[in-house]
């Protein structure tokens, strides 16, 4: 889609919010249809929205999640700066980085794919909500393989200002694992060694 094709909207979020906001009066055998966005978040590659269907009396019918995969390149040489693919939660989207602020607005559902998608979203939120302290020992379910051919399962988490790095348990090496907090690992609780104090002679 070109910038002209986006009309008056300058960003993917503004355009998609508008696409999910409409009100069509009943006509002949076509019933009243209306939708509005209660909350939406655009992350740069995906758009998540809580979209409310309502009736002609402005009463809520349901609130469901809409997920859009977004390609946005405002400097595209060919002028086609924007593309998207929209899915609702009953399609069971692969993308599960939906914010809690959107999930909490959704009304209950019995659709199996929607339920599975919501569970996966909350599972990812729980993973990303873990807090790692400097020096924490973490253990992955299986060894991680690195570009040098080495494989390791346990790492020491180190924090230096805004930067974080993983080392081996003895402090050797420097390792980076992409999207660390989205991966499954356990924080190993190490026994604390009490200090021994000797009385002064």
Protein backbone atom coordinates (compact mmCIF):
# COMPACT_ATOMS: atom_id res chain seq x y z
CA UNK A 1 0.00 0.00 0.00
CA UNK A 2 1.31 3.47 -0.87
CA UNK A 3 1.10 6.49 1.38
CA UNK A 4 -1.73 7.77 -0.80
CA UNK A 5 -3.55 4.48 -0.26
CA UNK A 6 -3.41 5.07 3.49
CA UNK A 7 -5.52 8.18 3.07
CA UNK A 8 -5.45 10.53 6.03
CA UNK A 9 -3.63 8.05 8.28
CA UNK A 10 0.10 8.47 8.89
CA UNK A 11 0.83 5.32 10.89
CA UNK A 12 -0.13 1.64 10.73
CA UNK A 13 -1.88 1.91 14.11
CA UNK A 14 -4.05 4.84 13.02
CA UNK A 15 -4.96 3.11 9.75
CA UNK A 16 -5.83 -0.22 11.40
CA UNK A 17 -7.80 1.45 14.19
CA UNK A 18 -9.91 3.11 11.51
CA UNK A 19 -10.41 -0.13 9.59
CA UNK A 20 -11.75 -1.78 12.74
CA UNK A 21 -14.14 1.07 13.52
CA UNK A 22 -17.43 1.15 11.61
CA UNK A 23 -21.19 1.21 11.96
CA UNK A 24 -23.45 -0.17 9.24
CA UNK A 25 -27.21 0.41 9.72
CA UNK A 26 -29.63 -2.42 9.06
CA UNK A 27 -30.89 -2.52 5.48
CA UNK A 28 -33.42 -4.94 3.98
CA UNK A 29 -32.29 -8.37 5.20
CA UNK A 30 -28.86 -7.18 6.32
CA UNK A 31 -28.67 -6.75 10.11
CA UNK A 32 -27.04 -3.86 11.92
CA UNK A 33 -23.26 -4.34 12.21
CA UNK A 34 -20.84 -2.26 14.25
CA UNK A 35 -17.31 -2.55 15.57
CA UNK A 36 -15.00 -0.28 17.54
CA UNK A 37 -11.51 -0.52 18.98
CA UNK A 38 -11.35 -0.31 22.76
CA UNK A 39 -7.58 -0.68 22.99
CA UNK A 40 -4.82 -1.29 20.46
CA UNK A 41 -1.04 -1.62 20.55
CA UNK A 42 1.37 -1.58 17.63
CA UNK A 43 4.81 -3.09 18.27
CA UNK A 44 6.52 -2.51 14.92
CA UNK A 45 5.77 -5.88 13.37
CA UNK A 46 2.41 -6.74 14.88
CA UNK A 47 -0.76 -4.92 15.88
CA UNK A 48 -3.06 -6.17 18.64
CA UNK A 49 -6.53 -4.81 19.33
CA UNK A 50 -9.50 -5.50 21.58
CA UNK A 51 -12.42 -4.96 19.20
CA UNK A 52 -15.98 -4.64 20.50
CA UNK A 53 -19.03 -5.68 18.49
CA UNK A 54 -22.15 -3.90 19.62
CA UNK A 55 -25.81 -3.72 18.65
CA UNK A 56 -28.07 -0.84 17.60
CA UNK A 57 -28.75 -0.07 21.27
CA UNK A 58 -25.01 0.33 21.92
CA UNK A 59 -24.98 -2.85 23.99
CA UNK A 60 -21.87 -5.02 23.85
CA UNK A 61 -22.17 -8.29 21.94
CA UNK A 62 -18.61 -9.44 22.50
CA UNK A 63 -15.03 -8.18 22.66
CA UNK A 64 -12.47 -10.21 20.77
CA UNK A 65 -8.83 -9.87 19.80
CA UNK A 66 -7.64 -8.91 16.34
CA UNK A 67 -4.03 -9.50 15.34
CA UNK A 68 -2.43 -7.90 12.28
CA UNK A 69 0.98 -8.79 10.91
CA UNK A 70 2.49 -5.54 9.74
CA UNK A 71 5.17 -4.62 7.24
CA UNK A 72 6.00 -0.93 7.50
CA UNK A 73 8.79 0.73 5.54
CA UNK A 74 8.15 4.48 5.08
CA UNK A 75 11.30 4.76 2.93
CA UNK A 76 10.44 1.96 0.50
CA UNK A 77 11.98 2.74 -2.90
CA UNK A 78 8.91 1.50 -4.78
CA UNK A 79 6.54 3.60 -2.69
CA UNK A 80 4.73 0.61 -1.21
CA UNK A 81 5.33 1.41 2.42
CA UNK A 82 2.66 -0.57 4.22
CA UNK A 83 1.14 -4.03 4.13
CA UNK A 84 -0.76 -6.07 6.67
CA UNK A 85 -2.53 -9.37 7.19
CA UNK A 86 -5.36 -9.43 9.68
CA UNK A 87 -6.50 -12.37 11.80
CA UNK A 88 -8.88 -12.68 14.67
CA UNK A 89 -8.11 -14.83 17.68
CA UNK A 90 -10.31 -17.69 16.48
CA UNK A 91 -7.72 -18.28 13.73
CA UNK A 92 -5.17 -19.18 16.40
CA UNK A 93 -2.47 -16.65 15.42
CA UNK A 94 1.16 -17.63 15.90
CA UNK A 95 1.97 -14.17 17.26
CA UNK A 96 1.45 -14.14 21.02
CA UNK A 97 3.05 -10.88 22.23
CA UNK A 98 -0.36 -9.38 22.98
CA UNK A 99 -0.19 -6.94 25.91
CA UNK A 100 -2.07 -7.68 29.09
CA UNK A 101 -3.98 -4.40 28.69
CA UNK A 102 -5.62 -5.83 25.55
CA UNK A 103 -6.16 -9.35 26.87
CA UNK A 104 -7.95 -8.14 30.00
CA UNK A 105 -10.64 -6.42 27.92
CA UNK A 106 -11.70 -9.57 26.04
CA UNK A 107 -14.99 -11.21 26.90
CA UNK A 108 -15.12 -14.95 27.69
CA UNK A 109 -15.04 -17.33 24.75
CA UNK A 110 -15.54 -21.05 24.21
CA UNK A 111 -13.75 -21.19 20.87
CA UNK A 112 -10.89 -23.70 21.27
CA UNK A 113 -8.40 -21.85 19.07
CA UNK A 114 -9.12 -18.53 20.75
CA UNK A 115 -8.73 -20.13 24.18
CA UNK A 116 -5.44 -21.69 23.14
CA UNK A 117 -4.19 -18.36 21.77
CA UNK A 118 -5.08 -16.55 24.99
CA UNK A 119 -3.30 -19.22 27.05
CA UNK A 120 -0.19 -18.85 24.91
CA UNK A 121 -0.29 -15.07 25.31
CA UNK A 122 -0.53 -15.29 29.09
CA UNK A 123 2.23 -17.91 29.14
CA UNK A 124 4.52 -15.54 27.25
CA UNK A 125 3.62 -12.69 29.60
CA UNK A 126 4.56 -14.89 32.54
CA UNK A 127 7.90 -15.77 30.94
CA UNK A 128 8.69 -12.13 30.16
CA UNK A 129 7.62 -11.09 33.65
CA UNK A 130 10.44 -12.98 35.32
CA UNK A 131 13.04 -10.81 37.02
CA UNK A 132 16.69 -11.73 36.79
CA UNK A 133 19.21 -10.31 39.22
CA UNK A 134 22.90 -9.86 38.64
CA UNK A 135 24.61 -13.17 39.33
CA UNK A 136 21.51 -15.37 39.03
CA UNK A 137 22.11 -18.88 37.75
CA UNK A 138 19.72 -20.01 35.01
CA UNK A 139 19.26 -23.48 33.51
CA UNK A 140 17.65 -24.31 30.16
CA UNK A 141 15.73 -27.57 29.57
CA UNK A 142 18.34 -28.62 26.98
CA UNK A 143 21.82 -27.39 26.03
CA UNK A 144 22.03 -24.33 23.79
CA UNK A 145 24.35 -24.62 20.80
CA UNK A 146 26.50 -21.63 19.82
CA UNK A 147 28.30 -20.57 16.67
CA UNK A 148 31.65 -21.80 18.01
CA UNK A 149 30.20 -25.30 18.30
CA UNK A 150 30.03 -25.30 22.08
CA UNK A 151 26.90 -26.38 23.94
CA UNK A 152 25.89 -25.14 27.37
CA UNK A 153 22.83 -25.46 29.54
CA UNK A 154 23.64 -23.39 32.62
CA UNK A 155 24.64 -19.74 32.63
CA UNK A 156 25.31 -16.93 35.03
CA UNK A 157 23.30 -13.77 34.31
CA UNK A 158 25.33 -10.58 34.50
CA UNK A 159 24.03 -7.05 34.33
CA UNK A 160 26.15 -4.02 33.57
CA UNK A 161 24.06 -0.88 33.35
CA UNK A 162 21.65 -1.27 30.42
CA UNK A 163 23.58 -4.22 28.99
CA UNK A 164 23.21 -7.84 30.02
CA UNK A 165 25.39 -10.82 29.24
CA UNK A 166 25.53 -14.50 30.10
CA UNK A 167 28.65 -16.28 31.27
CA UNK A 168 29.36 -19.86 32.21
CA UNK A 169 28.79 -20.74 35.83
CA UNK A 170 32.45 -20.11 36.65
CA UNK A 171 32.42 -16.69 34.97
CA UNK A 172 34.17 -17.70 31.76
CA UNK A 173 32.96 -16.66 28.33
CA UNK A 174 30.43 -14.14 27.09
CA UNK A 175 27.20 -15.34 25.50
CA UNK A 176 24.15 -13.63 24.02
CA UNK A 177 20.83 -15.44 23.61
CA UNK A 178 18.19 -13.63 21.60
CA UNK A 179 14.81 -12.95 23.23
CA UNK A 180 16.10 -14.47 26.45
CA UNK A 181 13.04 -13.78 28.58
CA UNK A 182 10.73 -15.40 26.04
CA UNK A 183 12.55 -18.71 26.39
CA UNK A 184 11.92 -21.46 28.89
CA UNK A 185 14.48 -21.68 31.69
CA UNK A 186 14.52 -22.03 35.44
CA UNK A 187 16.23 -19.76 37.92
CA UNK A 188 18.35 -22.06 40.07
CA UNK A 189 18.17 -21.24 43.75
CA UNK A 190 21.67 -21.76 45.04
CA UNK A 191 22.35 -22.57 48.69
CA UNK A 192 23.79 -19.66 50.59
CA UNK A 193 27.08 -20.32 52.28
CA UNK A 194 27.22 -18.75 55.70
CA UNK A 195 30.33 -16.76 56.46
CA UNK A 196 32.57 -18.07 59.20
CA UNK A 197 33.68 -15.54 61.77
CA UNK A 198 36.63 -16.20 64.04
CA UNK A 199 36.82 -14.43 67.37
CA UNK A 200 39.66 -12.01 67.82
CA UNK A 201 42.62 -13.49 69.66
